[in-house]
Amino acid sequence: MGLNVVQDSRPYFYRRVIFLAEIVTSLGITGSYDDSGIKASLLYSDGCIIVERLGSLFFPYSSELKRKISSARSELFRLYNYRSYIPINKSKLLRRMTMVSSKREEIQKLSEDITEWSIQVIKTLAKREPRSISVIGFNGHPIFYKGKGEKSLAIAHSLGLPSIVAERVKCTTVYDFMDVDIENGGNGLPLSPVYYKALLHHSACRAMISDKQKVAVINVSGMSNVTILNHRNIPESFDAGPGTALVNEYVQRFFQQSHDNEGILAARGDIIEEMLTKWMQKNILQSNTRFFEYKHFADCLAQAVRELIPIDCVATLVAFTAMTIVEGIKHHEEIGTIILTGQWNKNDFFKTLLGRSYNVITSEQLNWDNYFMESEQYAFYATRSLFMLPSSFPSTTGVSRPVHCGRLTIPVSFCKEAEQSGKSPQATSQAKASKPANQAKIAIKG
């Protein structure tokens, strides 16, 4: 079959290997960060635009598996020295783990168990989709993450065996998304900006947000992350300040609740402006730091505990998060709309504070699936990786250059076909994914 190579003149964000039949079905799967189970999603996409979201599935873990995950995480935190400022990478962490043989065997067995659960979820979800799945984005179960420090590299570790997944389901599998980013000098997170940009092209977003309008997507989790988007430019991402971490720790300690995501407690308190002003003058917020950790704001929580009554403390901490977001994005011109995603989408107190400065739209209003956002992202990244599209940029995670995240593991049967045809295994995988016609066009990166 002859291949007609053409130059792709589109912006770098969109350059890719293009076949005539370029839209593929991908499946993303990841363990949830609260250790409750596995999330999986199907996506129909070309790696640039999301054509259709085909459905998702949540599969809860057993109590015993949750206990084992908690034990493994505790062991990893014990082995990793947070006070060490020497560069450390995943392989060094794993070498340190092997020094404790009993834990090594326990964690290896847990990784095998999570792999089996993942395979069952993949097979169950695949039965719902008549089209064949071309690629799987396998994130495993995230068990350990620490961002990049002044003198230390970021580190991420997930449990799961992607090669076993690929072989058992007979599908090309992409994995190690965060590791590839870290190896190229990145923070490992956030990877979501590229997916936000694709969602912004959806008709529901275009109906509410004009093509020329800049928007800020705010993901409120432990820290609050800001992604600056429009329909044309490469995304820019940074942490604005604390997210839910301070509030969650406080309400757990003083109100015996796991969170105040709806803002019920915060709405009952008063914002102490004097303390809020003092917190906003912290040196870390005036610096060029792009990514924050809990330790950067632990002194704020300690001061609030000493000086404020509990209900005012919750209100002031929520106001602190809102104010750092407003201050973080005010230097970006033409931003009039905030898209709110993450854990505080239903926090009316928080949304009211943001609404004083910006028009606030929640992700649900745009038909984004807040609960399955992570698994949808990994399905999308797998497609981009398959077609050599970058998912990390210097402006998002701090990588040294745009990189396509993830490594490919290909079933043995694909490799045998490649040997017989004389093509590389990856070319065989791409051909199976796109199913090109007799005359295919390939656009290469310029």
Protein backbone atom coordinates (compact mmCIF):
# COMPACT_ATOMS: atom_id res chain seq x y z
CA MET A 1 0.00 0.00 0.00
CA GLY A 2 1.52 3.34 -1.04
CA LEU A 3 1.62 6.15 1.51
CA ASN A 4 1.18 9.75 0.43
CA VAL A 5 3.10 11.96 2.88
CA VAL A 6 1.80 15.51 3.22
CA GLN A 7 2.95 18.46 5.35
CA ASP A 8 0.59 19.34 8.20
CA SER A 9 0.22 23.13 8.26
CA ARG A 10 -1.97 23.25 11.38
CA PRO A 11 -0.69 24.70 14.71
CA TYR A 12 1.64 22.42 16.66
CA PHE A 13 -1.09 21.46 19.13
CA TYR A 14 -2.99 19.73 16.31
CA ARG A 15 -0.17 18.16 14.30
CA ARG A 16 -0.44 14.41 14.22
CA VAL A 17 -0.28 11.28 12.19
CA ILE A 18 -3.48 11.39 10.16
CA PHE A 19 -5.16 8.52 8.34
CA LEU A 20 -8.32 8.96 6.29
CA ALA A 21 -10.25 7.09 8.97
CA GLU A 22 -8.67 8.96 11.86
CA ILE A 23 -11.37 8.76 14.54
CA VAL A 24 -10.82 5.89 16.98
CA THR A 25 -12.51 4.44 20.04
CA SER A 26 -10.36 4.56 23.16
CA LEU A 27 -10.89 3.39 26.73
CA GLY A 28 -9.41 5.16 29.75
CA ILE A 29 -9.18 3.44 33.11
CA THR A 30 -7.81 4.60 36.46
CA GLY A 31 -8.18 3.89 40.15
CA SER A 32 -9.96 6.67 42.02
CA TYR A 33 -7.87 8.93 44.25
CA ASP A 34 -10.11 8.19 47.24
CA ASP A 35 -9.36 4.44 46.84
CA SER A 36 -13.06 3.62 46.42
CA GLY A 37 -12.76 1.74 43.12
CA ILE A 38 -11.98 1.84 39.41
CA LYS A 39 -13.32 4.36 36.90
CA ALA A 40 -13.42 3.60 33.17
CA SER A 41 -14.66 5.64 30.20
CA LEU A 42 -15.05 5.18 26.46
CA LEU A 43 -14.26 8.01 24.07
CA TYR A 44 -14.66 8.45 20.31
CA SER A 45 -12.01 10.92 19.21
CA ASP A 46 -9.25 11.80 16.77
CA GLY A 47 -6.94 13.00 19.52
CA CYS A 48 -7.79 16.65 18.89
CA ILE A 49 -11.56 16.89 19.03
CA ILE A 50 -13.88 14.74 21.11
CA VAL A 51 -16.50 13.40 18.72
CA GLU A 52 -18.51 11.52 21.31
CA ARG A 53 -18.31 10.38 24.93
CA LEU A 54 -19.57 6.81 24.84
CA GLY A 55 -20.22 6.10 28.49
CA SER A 56 -18.46 5.30 31.74
CA LEU A 57 -18.43 2.67 34.49
CA PHE A 58 -17.48 2.66 38.16
CA PHE A 59 -16.47 -0.61 39.80
CA PRO A 60 -16.11 -0.47 43.62
CA TYR A 61 -13.25 -2.19 45.43
CA SER A 62 -13.82 -4.73 48.18
CA SER A 63 -13.06 -3.69 51.76
CA GLU A 64 -10.05 -6.01 51.80
CA LEU A 65 -8.56 -4.45 48.66
CA LYS A 66 -9.04 -0.95 50.11
CA ARG A 67 -7.18 -2.04 53.23
CA LYS A 68 -4.28 -3.40 51.16
CA ILE A 69 -4.06 -0.18 49.12
CA SER A 70 -3.95 1.89 52.32
CA SER A 71 -1.20 -0.34 53.70
CA ALA A 72 0.86 -0.10 50.51
CA ARG A 73 0.53 3.68 50.44
CA SER A 74 1.68 3.92 54.05
CA GLU A 75 4.73 1.83 53.19
CA LEU A 76 5.62 4.06 50.24
CA PHE A 77 5.33 7.19 52.35
CA ARG A 78 7.52 5.58 54.99
CA LEU A 79 10.20 4.71 52.45
CA TYR A 80 10.21 8.10 50.80
CA ASN A 81 12.15 10.72 52.76
CA TYR A 82 10.28 13.98 52.41
CA ARG A 83 13.15 15.91 54.01
CA SER A 84 15.64 14.72 51.44
CA TYR A 85 16.42 17.33 48.80
CA ILE A 86 18.53 15.12 46.57
CA PRO A 87 16.97 14.24 43.20
CA ILE A 88 14.99 11.04 43.45
CA ASN A 89 13.16 9.14 40.75
CA LYS A 90 10.76 6.24 40.54
CA SER A 91 13.42 3.60 39.97
CA LYS A 92 15.29 4.68 43.10
CA LEU A 93 12.09 4.49 45.14
CA LEU A 94 11.38 1.00 43.84
CA ARG A 95 14.92 -0.13 44.65
CA ARG A 96 14.40 1.06 48.21
CA MET A 97 11.13 -0.88 48.34
CA THR A 98 12.87 -4.13 47.39
CA MET A 99 14.96 -3.89 50.55
CA VAL A 100 11.81 -4.84 52.51
CA SER A 101 11.04 -8.25 51.02
CA SER A 102 7.72 -8.90 52.78
CA LYS A 103 6.27 -5.58 51.66
CA ARG A 104 7.66 -6.07 48.16
CA GLU A 105 5.75 -9.32 47.76
CA GLU A 106 2.60 -7.82 49.25
CA ILE A 107 2.70 -4.81 46.90
CA GLN A 108 3.43 -7.00 43.88
CA LYS A 109 0.42 -9.18 44.70
CA LEU A 110 -1.73 -6.05 45.13
CA SER A 111 -0.60 -4.82 41.72
CA GLU A 112 -1.67 -8.15 40.20
CA ASP A 113 -5.07 -7.92 41.94
CA ILE A 114 -5.69 -4.40 40.63
CA THR A 115 -4.73 -5.59 37.15
CA GLU A 116 -7.32 -8.38 37.32
CA TRP A 117 -10.03 -5.98 38.49
CA SER A 118 -9.10 -3.58 35.68
CA ILE A 119 -9.33 -6.30 33.05
CA GLN A 120 -12.81 -7.25 34.23
CA VAL A 121 -13.93 -3.61 34.07
CA ILE A 122 -12.48 -3.21 30.56
CA LYS A 123 -14.27 -6.32 29.31
CA THR A 124 -17.56 -5.26 30.92
CA LEU A 125 -17.47 -1.76 29.44
CA ALA A 126 -16.29 -3.02 26.04
CA LYS A 127 -19.43 -5.16 25.72
CA ARG A 128 -21.52 -1.96 25.71
CA GLU A 129 -19.75 -0.55 22.65
CA PRO A 130 -20.34 -2.15 19.22
CA ARG A 131 -17.20 -0.57 17.77
CA SER A 132 -13.89 -2.23 18.57
CA ILE A 133 -11.59 -0.47 21.04
CA SER A 134 -8.38 0.70 19.36
CA VAL A 135 -6.30 1.76 22.36
CA ILE A 136 -6.47 1.67 26.16
CA GLY A 137 -5.16 4.40 28.46
CA PHE A 138 -4.19 2.52 31.63
CA ASN A 139 -3.27 4.62 34.65
CA GLY A 140 -3.43 1.78 37.17
CA HIS A 141 -4.23 2.78 40.73
CA PRO A 142 -2.42 5.99 41.73
CA ILE A 143 -0.81 5.36 45.08
CA PHE A 144 1.95 7.93 45.50
CA TYR A 145 2.67 11.41 44.14
CA LYS A 146 4.96 14.21 45.18
CA GLY A 147 5.45 17.34 43.10
CA LYS A 148 8.75 18.82 42.02
CA GLY A 149 10.69 20.70 44.70
CA GLU A 150 13.45 23.27 44.47
CA LYS A 151 16.13 20.57 44.41
CA SER A 152 14.13 17.38 43.90
CA LEU A 153 12.32 15.80 40.99
CA ALA A 154 8.63 14.98 41.03
CA ILE A 155 7.72 11.35 41.59
CA ALA A 156 4.58 9.34 40.79
CA HIS A 157 3.78 5.67 41.27
CA SER A 158 0.72 3.63 40.29
CA LEU A 159 -0.10 -0.03 40.86
CA GLY A 160 -0.99 -2.20 37.88
CA LEU A 161 0.61 -4.24 35.09
CA PRO A 162 -0.11 -2.65 31.69
CA SER A 163 1.64 -5.38 29.69
CA ILE A 164 -0.73 -7.97 31.20
CA VAL A 165 -3.72 -5.76 30.35
CA ALA A 166 -2.56 -5.41 26.73
CA GLU A 167 -2.01 -9.15 26.34
CA ARG A 168 -5.23 -10.27 28.02
CA VAL A 169 -7.56 -7.89 26.14
CA LYS A 170 -5.52 -7.95 22.88
CA CYS A 171 -5.33 -4.18 22.62
CA THR A 172 -2.51 -1.64 22.46
CA THR A 173 -2.18 -0.07 25.91
CA VAL A 174 -0.64 3.27 26.89
CA TYR A 175 0.65 3.77 30.45
CA ASP A 176 3.09 5.82 32.59
CA PHE A 177 1.54 9.14 31.55
CA MET A 178 2.91 11.08 34.52
CA ASP A 179 6.30 9.33 34.49
CA VAL A 180 7.05 10.40 30.92
CA ASP A 181 6.19 13.98 31.82
CA ILE A 182 8.48 13.84 34.88
CA GLU A 183 11.34 12.33 32.87
CA ASN A 184 11.16 15.37 30.59
CA GLY A 185 11.47 17.81 33.47
CA GLY A 186 7.77 18.23 34.22
CA ASN A 187 5.79 18.22 37.44
CA GLY A 188 3.75 15.16 36.39
CA LEU A 189 0.55 17.15 36.92
CA PRO A 190 -1.67 18.66 35.69
CA LEU A 191 -2.25 16.72 32.49
CA SER A 192 -5.86 17.90 32.26
CA PRO A 193 -5.35 21.20 30.31
CA VAL A 194 -5.16 19.42 26.94
CA TYR A 195 -8.43 17.62 27.68
CA TYR A 196 -10.09 20.85 28.82
CA LYS A 197 -9.10 22.40 25.50
CA ALA A 198 -10.70 19.54 23.59
CA LEU A 199 -13.88 19.86 25.66
CA LEU A 200 -13.96 23.56 24.89
CA HIS A 201 -14.48 22.72 21.21
CA HIS A 202 -17.69 20.83 22.03
CA SER A 203 -20.93 22.38 20.79
CA ALA A 204 -22.26 22.87 24.35
CA CYS A 205 -19.23 25.03 25.18
CA ARG A 206 -19.36 26.97 21.92
CA ALA A 207 -22.97 27.87 22.65
CA MET A 208 -21.94 29.52 25.94
CA ILE A 209 -18.38 30.69 25.19
CA SER A 210 -17.34 32.53 22.04
CA ASP A 211 -14.34 31.48 19.95
CA LYS A 212 -12.44 34.65 20.81
CA GLN A 213 -13.09 34.55 24.54
CA LYS A 214 -10.42 33.51 27.03
CA VAL A 215 -11.62 31.37 29.93
CA ALA A 216 -10.06 30.04 33.11
CA VAL A 217 -10.81 26.46 34.15
CA ILE A 218 -10.50 26.12 37.93
CA ASN A 219 -9.95 22.61 39.26
CA VAL A 220 -10.42 22.70 43.03
CA SER A 221 -8.84 19.67 44.67
CA GLY A 222 -6.17 19.70 47.40
CA MET A 223 -4.71 22.79 45.74
CA SER A 224 -6.62 25.00 43.31
CA ASN A 225 -5.23 24.70 39.78
CA VAL A 226 -5.92 27.27 37.05
CA THR A 227 -5.83 26.54 33.31
CA ILE A 228 -6.03 29.50 30.91
CA LEU A 229 -7.71 28.53 27.64
CA ASN A 230 -9.00 29.88 24.41
CA HIS A 231 -9.85 28.03 21.19
CA ARG A 232 -6.49 28.62 19.51
CA ASN A 233 -3.50 28.91 21.83
CA ILE A 234 -1.70 26.20 23.81
CA PRO A 235 -3.06 26.06 27.40
CA GLU A 236 -1.28 27.63 30.35
CA SER A 237 -1.59 26.08 33.79
CA PHE A 238 -0.52 26.96 37.35
CA ASP A 239 -1.60 26.59 40.97
CA ALA A 240 -3.31 29.66 42.42
CA GLY A 241 -3.14 28.58 46.05
CA PRO A 242 -4.85 26.22 48.50
CA GLY A 243 -7.94 24.28 47.48
CA THR A 244 -9.86 21.88 49.68
CA ALA A 245 -6.88 20.64 51.74
CA LEU A 246 -7.01 23.22 54.54
CA VAL A 247 -10.79 23.20 54.84
CA ASN A 248 -11.03 19.41 54.81
CA GLU A 249 -8.44 19.00 57.54
CA TYR A 250 -10.14 21.63 59.70
CA VAL A 251 -13.70 20.25 59.43
CA GLN A 252 -12.42 16.73 60.08
CA ARG A 253 -10.79 17.92 63.28
CA PHE A 254 -13.48 20.24 64.63
CA PHE A 255 -16.75 19.14 63.00
CA GLN A 256 -16.10 15.39 62.50
CA GLN A 257 -16.98 15.71 58.79
CA SER A 258 -14.85 14.58 55.87
CA HIS A 259 -15.45 17.81 53.92
CA ASP A 260 -17.64 20.88 53.44
CA ASN A 261 -17.95 20.59 49.66
CA GLU A 262 -21.45 22.12 49.62
CA GLY A 263 -20.32 25.14 51.66
CA ILE A 264 -22.95 24.66 54.39
CA LEU A 265 -20.54 25.33 57.25
CA ALA A 266 -18.76 28.17 55.44
CA ALA A 267 -22.05 29.99 54.77
CA ARG A 268 -22.75 30.13 58.52
CA GLY A 269 -19.50 31.91 59.37
CA ASP A 270 -18.03 35.37 58.87
CA ILE A 271 -14.93 36.13 56.81
CA ILE A 272 -12.24 37.71 58.99
CA GLU A 273 -10.82 40.27 56.56
CA GLU A 274 -7.80 41.19 58.66
CA MET A 275 -6.50 37.63 58.72
CA LEU A 276 -7.34 37.10 55.06
CA THR A 277 -5.30 40.18 54.09
CA LYS A 278 -2.34 38.89 56.12
CA TRP A 279 -2.46 35.47 54.42
CA MET A 280 -2.55 37.06 50.97
CA GLN A 281 0.78 38.76 51.73
CA LYS A 282 2.61 35.43 52.13
CA ASN A 283 5.93 35.37 50.31
CA ILE A 284 5.11 32.12 48.51
CA LEU A 285 2.12 33.80 46.81
CA GLN A 286 4.31 36.70 45.68
CA SER A 287 6.96 34.38 44.22
CA ASN A 288 7.11 32.71 40.81
CA THR A 289 6.18 29.29 42.26
CA ARG A 290 3.89 27.48 39.79
CA PHE A 291 2.89 24.48 41.88
CA PHE A 292 2.03 24.49 45.58
CA GLU A 293 1.86 21.87 48.34
CA TYR A 294 0.02 21.68 51.64
CA LYS A 295 3.16 22.62 53.56
CA HIS A 296 3.18 26.07 51.92
CA PHE A 297 -0.06 26.99 53.72
CA ALA A 298 0.06 24.88 56.90
CA ASP A 299 0.94 27.97 58.96
CA CYS A 300 -2.29 29.66 57.83
CA LEU A 301 -4.32 26.77 59.18
CA ALA A 302 -2.35 26.77 62.44
CA GLN A 303 -2.99 30.50 62.92
CA ALA A 304 -6.70 30.08 62.17
CA VAL A 305 -6.98 27.30 64.74
CA ARG A 306 -5.37 29.51 67.40
CA GLU A 307 -7.24 32.76 66.75
CA LEU A 308 -10.66 32.09 65.15
CA ILE A 309 -13.85 30.43 66.27
CA PRO A 310 -14.49 27.27 64.21
CA ILE A 311 -17.32 28.53 62.00
CA ASP A 312 -15.46 31.74 61.06
CA CYS A 313 -12.35 29.72 60.38
CA VAL A 314 -14.11 27.65 57.69
CA ALA A 315 -15.54 30.77 56.01
CA THR A 316 -12.16 32.54 56.03
CA LEU A 317 -10.31 29.51 54.63
CA VAL A 318 -12.80 29.22 51.75
CA ALA A 319 -12.46 32.97 51.10
CA PHE A 320 -8.66 32.51 51.04
CA THR A 321 -8.99 29.95 48.25
CA ALA A 322 -11.34 32.24 46.28
CA MET A 323 -9.11 35.29 46.66
CA THR A 324 -5.92 33.46 45.57
CA ILE A 325 -7.76 32.33 42.42
CA VAL A 326 -8.95 35.86 41.61
CA GLU A 327 -5.47 37.28 42.22
CA GLY A 328 -3.87 34.50 40.20
CA ILE A 329 -5.84 35.15 37.03
CA LYS A 330 -6.32 38.90 37.16
CA HIS A 331 -3.09 39.46 35.23
CA HIS A 332 -4.49 37.53 32.24
CA GLU A 333 -6.42 39.98 30.11
CA GLU A 334 -9.82 39.32 28.52
CA ILE A 335 -10.85 36.60 30.97
CA GLY A 336 -14.49 37.11 31.86
CA THR A 337 -15.62 33.53 32.51
CA ILE A 338 -14.51 30.89 34.99
CA ILE A 339 -15.36 27.22 34.42
CA LEU A 340 -15.45 25.54 37.82
CA THR A 341 -14.61 21.85 38.11
CA GLY A 342 -13.43 19.62 40.93
CA GLN A 343 -14.76 19.20 44.46
CA TRP A 344 -16.43 22.57 45.07
CA ASN A 345 -18.78 22.71 42.07
CA LYS A 346 -21.78 22.74 44.41
CA ASN A 347 -20.28 25.09 46.99
CA ASP A 348 -22.57 28.12 46.63
CA PHE A 349 -20.61 30.14 49.20
CA PHE A 350 -17.41 29.68 47.18
CA LYS A 351 -19.13 30.38 43.86
CA THR A 352 -20.63 33.60 45.22
CA LEU A 353 -17.17 34.86 46.20
CA LEU A 354 -15.78 34.10 42.72
CA GLY A 355 -18.90 35.59 41.12
CA ARG A 356 -18.04 39.03 42.49
CA SER A 357 -15.20 39.23 39.96
CA TYR A 358 -16.07 36.77 37.16
CA ASN A 359 -18.93 35.00 35.47
CA VAL A 360 -18.90 31.48 36.96
CA ILE A 361 -20.03 28.40 34.99
CA THR A 362 -19.83 24.92 36.47
CA SER A 363 -18.57 21.98 34.43
CA GLU A 364 -22.00 20.34 34.72
CA GLN A 365 -23.57 23.29 32.90
CA LEU A 366 -21.29 22.49 29.96
CA ASN A 367 -22.19 18.77 30.15
CA TRP A 368 -18.73 17.80 31.37
CA ASP A 369 -18.73 14.68 33.52
CA ASN A 370 -17.02 15.82 36.69
CA TYR A 371 -16.98 12.35 38.27
CA PHE A 372 -15.45 10.50 35.30
CA MET A 373 -13.22 13.36 34.13
CA GLU A 374 -10.01 11.47 35.00
CA SER A 375 -10.85 8.24 33.15
CA GLU A 376 -12.06 10.23 30.12
CA GLN A 377 -8.76 12.11 30.13
CA TYR A 378 -6.69 8.93 30.01
CA ALA A 379 -8.76 7.65 27.08
CA PHE A 380 -8.02 10.93 25.29
CA TYR A 381 -4.30 10.91 26.16
CA ALA A 382 -4.01 7.33 24.89
CA THR A 383 -5.32 8.40 21.50
CA ARG A 384 -2.94 11.36 21.42
CA SER A 385 -0.02 9.14 22.38
CA LEU A 386 -0.92 6.58 19.73
CA PHE A 387 -0.72 9.29 17.07
CA MET A 388 2.36 11.04 18.55
CA LEU A 389 0.48 14.14 19.71
CA PRO A 390 1.91 16.08 22.68
CA SER A 391 -0.12 16.14 25.89
CA SER A 392 2.34 18.07 28.07
CA PHE A 393 3.76 21.50 27.31
CA PRO A 394 6.24 23.82 29.03
CA SER A 395 3.30 26.09 29.84
CA THR A 396 1.28 23.34 31.57
CA THR A 397 3.55 20.99 33.55
CA GLY A 398 6.92 22.67 33.02
CA VAL A 399 8.41 20.05 30.69
CA SER A 400 11.45 21.13 28.71
CA ARG A 401 9.64 20.59 25.40
CA PRO A 402 6.21 19.39 24.21
CA VAL A 403 5.99 15.63 24.76
CA HIS A 404 3.39 12.97 24.08
CA CYS A 405 2.77 11.32 27.43
CA GLY A 406 2.72 7.61 27.94
CA ARG A 407 4.54 4.48 26.83
CA LEU A 408 3.01 1.89 24.52
CA THR A 409 2.84 -1.80 25.29
CA ILE A 410 1.69 -3.90 22.37
CA PRO A 411 0.29 -7.46 22.44
CA VAL A 412 2.64 -10.20 21.24
CA SER A 413 0.26 -10.98 18.37
CA PHE A 414 0.74 -7.43 17.05
CA CYS A 415 4.51 -7.87 17.17
CA LYS A 416 4.28 -11.12 15.20
CA GLU A 417 2.15 -9.42 12.54
CA ALA A 418 4.72 -6.62 12.38
CA GLU A 419 7.53 -9.13 11.81
CA GLN A 420 5.60 -10.75 8.99
CA SER A 421 4.73 -7.45 7.32
CA GLY A 422 8.10 -5.81 7.87
CA LYS A 423 6.57 -2.85 9.74
CA SER A 424 7.28 -1.64 13.25
CA PRO A 425 4.90 -2.80 16.02
CA GLN A 426 3.76 0.79 16.57
CA ALA A 427 2.94 1.24 12.89
CA THR A 428 0.94 -1.97 13.03
CA SER A 429 -0.87 -0.69 16.11
CA GLN A 430 -1.70 2.62 14.42
CA ALA A 431 -2.95 0.83 11.33
CA LYS A 432 -5.25 -1.35 13.43
CA ALA A 433 -6.53 1.71 15.27
CA SER A 434 -7.32 3.79 12.22
CA LYS A 435 -8.19 1.04 9.72
CA PRO A 436 -7.11 3.13 6.72
CA ALA A 437 -8.50 2.78 3.23
CA ASN A 438 -6.42 1.58 0.28
CA GLN A 439 -4.91 5.01 -0.19
CA ALA A 440 -3.91 6.57 3.12
CA LYS A 441 -2.51 9.97 3.86
CA ILE A 442 -0.05 10.57 6.64
CA ALA A 443 0.60 14.09 7.91
CA ILE A 444 3.88 14.43 9.75
CA LYS A 445 5.05 16.97 12.30
CA GLY A 446 6.71 19.99 10.80
